[in-house]
C-alpha atoms as a PDB file:
ATOM      1  CA  MET A   1      -0.321  -0.348   0.186  1.00  0.00           C
ATOM      2  CA  GLY A   2       3.007   2.583   0.597  1.00  0.00           C
ATOM      3  CA  LYS A   3       3.143   2.956  -3.536  1.00  0.00           C
ATOM      4  CA  SER A   4       1.262   5.621  -5.067  1.00  0.00           C
ATOM      5  CA  ILE A   5      -1.794   5.042  -7.422  1.00  0.00           C
ATOM      6  CA  THR A   6      -1.697   7.155 -10.445  1.00  0.00           C
ATOM      7  CA  LYS A   7      -3.597   4.623 -13.037  1.00  0.00           C
ATOM      8  CA  LEU A   8      -5.217   1.662 -12.481  1.00  0.00           C
ATOM      9  CA  ASP A   9      -2.373  -0.683 -13.560  1.00  0.00           C
ATOM     10  CA  ASP A  10      -0.705   0.488 -10.236  1.00  0.00           C
ATOM     11  CA  ILE A  11      -3.103  -1.433  -8.614  1.00  0.00           C
ATOM     12  CA  ASP A  12      -1.568  -4.870  -7.793  1.00  0.00           C
ATOM     13  CA  VAL A  13      -4.893  -6.696  -6.913  1.00  0.00           C
ATOM     14  CA  TYR A  14      -6.750  -5.442  -9.943  1.00  0.00           C
ATOM     15  CA  LYS A  15      -4.032  -6.953 -12.129  1.00  0.00           C
ATOM     16  CA  ASP A  16      -4.115 -10.170  -9.984  1.00  0.00           C
ATOM     17  CA  ALA A  17      -7.900 -10.569 -10.229  1.00  0.00           C
ATOM     18  CA  LEU A  18      -7.832 -10.128 -14.174  1.00  0.00           C
ATOM     19  CA  ASN A  19      -5.543 -13.144 -14.167  1.00  0.00           C
ATOM     20  CA  LEU A  20      -7.053 -15.285 -12.212  1.00  0.00           C
ATOM     21  CA  ALA A  21     -10.168 -14.389 -14.501  1.00  0.00           C
ATOM     22  CA  LYS A  22      -8.088 -15.826 -17.117  1.00  0.00           C
ATOM     23  CA  SER A  23      -7.352 -18.723 -15.184  1.00  0.00           C
ATOM     24  CA  THR A  24     -10.685 -19.220 -14.424  1.00  0.00           C
ATOM     25  CA  PHE A  25     -11.773 -19.133 -18.024  1.00  0.00           C
ATOM     26  CA  LEU A  26      -9.558 -21.657 -18.499  1.00  0.00           C
ATOM     27  CA  LEU A  27     -11.074 -24.197 -15.934  1.00  0.00           C
ATOM     28  CA  LEU A  28     -14.150 -23.761 -17.763  1.00  0.00           C
ATOM     29  CA  GLU A  29     -12.837 -25.102 -20.623  1.00  0.00           C
ATOM     30  CA  ASP A  30     -13.272 -28.418 -19.429  1.00  0.00           C
ATOM     31  CA  LYS A  31     -14.951 -31.082 -21.296  1.00  0.00           C
ATOM     32  CA  ARG A  32     -17.355 -32.341 -18.587  1.00  0.00           C
ATOM     33  CA  LEU A  33     -18.721 -28.274 -18.211  1.00  0.00           C
ATOM     34  CA  LEU A  34     -19.389 -28.604 -22.101  1.00  0.00           C
ATOM     35  CA  LYS A  35     -22.933 -28.156 -22.214  1.00  0.00           C
ATOM     36  CA  GLU A  36     -23.113 -26.701 -18.829  1.00  0.00           C
ATOM     37  CA  TYR A  37     -23.797 -22.994 -20.508  1.00  0.00           C
ATOM     38  CA  TRP A  38     -25.588 -21.442 -17.803  1.00  0.00           C
ATOM     39  CA  LEU A  39     -22.609 -22.245 -15.426  1.00  0.00           C
ATOM     40  CA  LYS A  40     -20.147 -21.098 -17.598  1.00  0.00           C
ATOM     41  CA  ASP A  41     -21.679 -17.775 -17.898  1.00  0.00           C
ATOM     42  CA  GLN A  42     -22.415 -17.388 -14.313  1.00  0.00           C
ATOM     43  CA  VAL A  43     -18.891 -18.172 -13.166  1.00  0.00           C
ATOM     44  CA  LYS A  44     -17.215 -16.017 -16.351  1.00  0.00           C
ATOM     45  CA  ARG A  45     -19.482 -12.712 -14.869  1.00  0.00           C
ATOM     46  CA  ALA A  46     -18.537 -13.381 -11.506  1.00  0.00           C
ATOM     47  CA  SER A  47     -14.767 -13.559 -12.291  1.00  0.00           C
ATOM     48  CA  LEU A  48     -14.788 -10.841 -14.223  1.00  0.00           C
ATOM     49  CA  SER A  49     -16.537  -8.896 -11.627  1.00  0.00           C
ATOM     50  CA  VAL A  50     -13.847  -8.929  -9.252  1.00  0.00           C
ATOM     51  CA  ALA A  51     -11.855  -6.787 -11.177  1.00  0.00           C
ATOM     52  CA  VAL A  52     -14.274  -4.442 -12.966  1.00  0.00           C
ATOM     53  CA  ASN A  53     -15.526  -3.576  -9.531  1.00  0.00           C
ATOM     54  CA  ILE A  54     -12.095  -2.559  -8.664  1.00  0.00           C
ATOM     55  CA  ALA A  55     -11.691  -0.599 -11.610  1.00  0.00           C
ATOM     56  CA  GLU A  56     -15.237   0.947 -11.493  1.00  0.00           C
ATOM     57  CA  GLY A  57     -14.001   1.897  -7.654  1.00  0.00           C
ATOM     58  CA  TYR A  58     -10.843   3.191  -8.740  1.00  0.00           C
ATOM     59  CA  GLY A  59     -12.921   6.007 -11.242  1.00  0.00           C
ATOM     60  CA  ARG A  60     -14.835   7.118  -8.328  1.00  0.00           C
ATOM     61  CA  ASN A  61     -14.355  10.684  -6.663  1.00  0.00           C
ATOM     62  CA  THR A  62     -13.874   9.438  -2.923  1.00  0.00           C
ATOM     63  CA  LYS A  63     -12.268   6.496  -0.733  1.00  0.00           C
ATOM     64  CA  ARG A  64     -15.593   5.889   0.493  1.00  0.00           C
ATOM     65  CA  ASP A  65     -16.866   5.226  -3.033  1.00  0.00           C
ATOM     66  CA  PHE A  66     -14.175   3.276  -3.982  1.00  0.00           C
ATOM     67  CA  ALA A  67     -14.747   0.726  -0.789  1.00  0.00           C
ATOM     68  CA  GLN A  68     -18.414   0.681  -1.420  1.00  0.00           C
ATOM     69  CA  PHE A  69     -16.715  -1.256  -5.043  1.00  0.00           C
ATOM     70  CA  LEU A  70     -14.336  -3.320  -3.123  1.00  0.00           C
ATOM     71  CA  SER A  71     -17.215  -4.615  -1.258  1.00  0.00           C
ATOM     72  CA  ILE A  72     -19.256  -5.397  -4.318  1.00  0.00           C
ATOM     73  CA  SER A  73     -16.023  -6.908  -5.304  1.00  0.00           C
ATOM     74  CA  LEU A  74     -15.499  -9.147  -2.298  1.00  0.00           C
ATOM     75  CA  GLY A  75     -19.252 -10.276  -2.765  1.00  0.00           C
ATOM     76  CA  SER A  76     -18.380 -11.996  -6.288  1.00  0.00           C
ATOM     77  CA  VAL A  77     -15.419 -13.554  -4.919  1.00  0.00           C
ATOM     78  CA  ASN A  78     -17.830 -15.436  -2.375  1.00  0.00           C
ATOM     79  CA  GLU A  79     -19.688 -16.039  -5.600  1.00  0.00           C
ATOM     80  CA  LEU A  80     -17.256 -17.696  -6.849  1.00  0.00           C
ATOM     81  CA  ILE A  81     -15.541 -19.498  -4.366  1.00  0.00           C
ATOM     82  CA  THR A  82     -19.361 -20.898  -4.251  1.00  0.00           C
ATOM     83  CA  PHE A  83     -19.282 -21.784  -7.815  1.00  0.00           C
ATOM     84  CA  LEU A  84     -16.097 -23.408  -7.237  1.00  0.00           C
ATOM     85  CA  ASP A  85     -17.225 -25.651  -4.433  1.00  0.00           C
ATOM     86  CA  PHE A  86     -20.372 -26.749  -6.602  1.00  0.00           C
ATOM     87  CA  ILE A  87     -18.229 -27.533  -9.874  1.00  0.00           C
ATOM     88  CA  SER A  88     -15.949 -29.627  -7.717  1.00  0.00           C
ATOM     89  CA  LEU A  89     -18.564 -31.426  -6.246  1.00  0.00           C
ATOM     90  CA  GLU A  90     -21.116 -31.872  -9.086  1.00  0.00           C
ATOM     91  CA  TYR A  91     -18.298 -32.763 -11.724  1.00  0.00           C
ATOM     92  CA  LYS A  92     -15.568 -33.621  -9.963  1.00  0.00           C
ATOM     93  CA  ILE A  93     -13.238 -31.056 -11.012  1.00  0.00           C
ATOM     94  CA  ASP A  94     -10.341 -29.961  -8.989  1.00  0.00           C
ATOM     95  CA  THR A  95     -10.777 -26.477  -8.083  1.00  0.00           C
ATOM     96  CA  PHE A  96      -8.803 -26.270  -5.133  1.00  0.00           C
ATOM     97  CA  GLU A  97      -5.811 -23.926  -6.270  1.00  0.00           C
ATOM     98  CA  LEU A  98      -8.032 -21.751  -7.761  1.00  0.00           C
ATOM     99  CA  LYS A  99     -10.372 -21.303  -4.842  1.00  0.00           C
ATOM    100  CA  GLU A 100      -7.112 -20.912  -2.445  1.00  0.00           C
ATOM    101  CA  LYS A 101      -6.297 -18.287  -5.154  1.00  0.00           C
ATOM    102  CA  TYR A 102      -9.643 -16.245  -4.668  1.00  0.00           C
ATOM    103  CA  VAL A 103      -9.529 -16.922  -0.736  1.00  0.00           C
ATOM    104  CA  VAL A 104      -5.986 -15.012  -0.907  1.00  0.00           C
ATOM    105  CA  ILE A 105      -7.412 -12.180  -3.365  1.00  0.00           C
ATOM    106  CA  SER A 106     -10.405 -11.969  -1.367  1.00  0.00           C
ATOM    107  CA  LYS A 107      -7.338 -11.263   2.158  1.00  0.00           C
ATOM    108  CA  ARG A 108      -6.318  -8.458  -0.099  1.00  0.00           C
ATOM    109  CA  ILE A 109      -9.023  -6.728  -1.223  1.00  0.00           C
ATOM    110  CA  HIS A 110     -10.640  -6.671   2.142  1.00  0.00           C
ATOM    111  CA  SER A 111      -7.057  -5.127   3.431  1.00  0.00           C
ATOM    112  CA  PHE A 112      -7.165  -2.546   0.274  1.00  0.00           C
ATOM    113  CA  ARG A 113     -10.705  -1.496   1.249  1.00  0.00           C
ATOM    114  CA  SER A 114      -9.582  -1.163   5.384  1.00  0.00           C
ATOM    115  CA  TYR A 115      -6.785   0.738   4.183  1.00  0.00           C
ATOM    116  CA  LEU A 116      -8.888   3.154   2.007  1.00  0.00           C
ATOM    117  CA  LEU A 117     -11.675   3.707   4.690  1.00  0.00           C
ATOM    118  CA  ARG A 118      -8.629   4.262   7.144  1.00  0.00           C
ATOM    119  CA  SER A 119      -6.907   7.023   5.239  1.00  0.00           C
ATOM    120  CA  LYS A 120      -8.581  10.320   5.125  1.00  0.00           C
END
């Protein structure tokens, strides 16, 4: 949190959220999910929502507004974790590593949100 943020790409958690979305999209290429269009669509939307809400919050006028969008991003992470659990249970696809990465990014987003709310 020490370096200054002058553009969206300065936010590491944003870049990591994009990379996680890419990894999530790759997971959805598993042949066991071939006809599960509804599920793949929902998971893709949720995975992109993590980064999109960070970006939208960055574009807001206040730290409080930014923090609110980080909260929405956290909700998307929780939604994704649930989808990954379902995919693991229902389709027997190993989602453990990806799920753990989302748990880590959740903690990072939460810390960033707390930092914004503390700094006036």
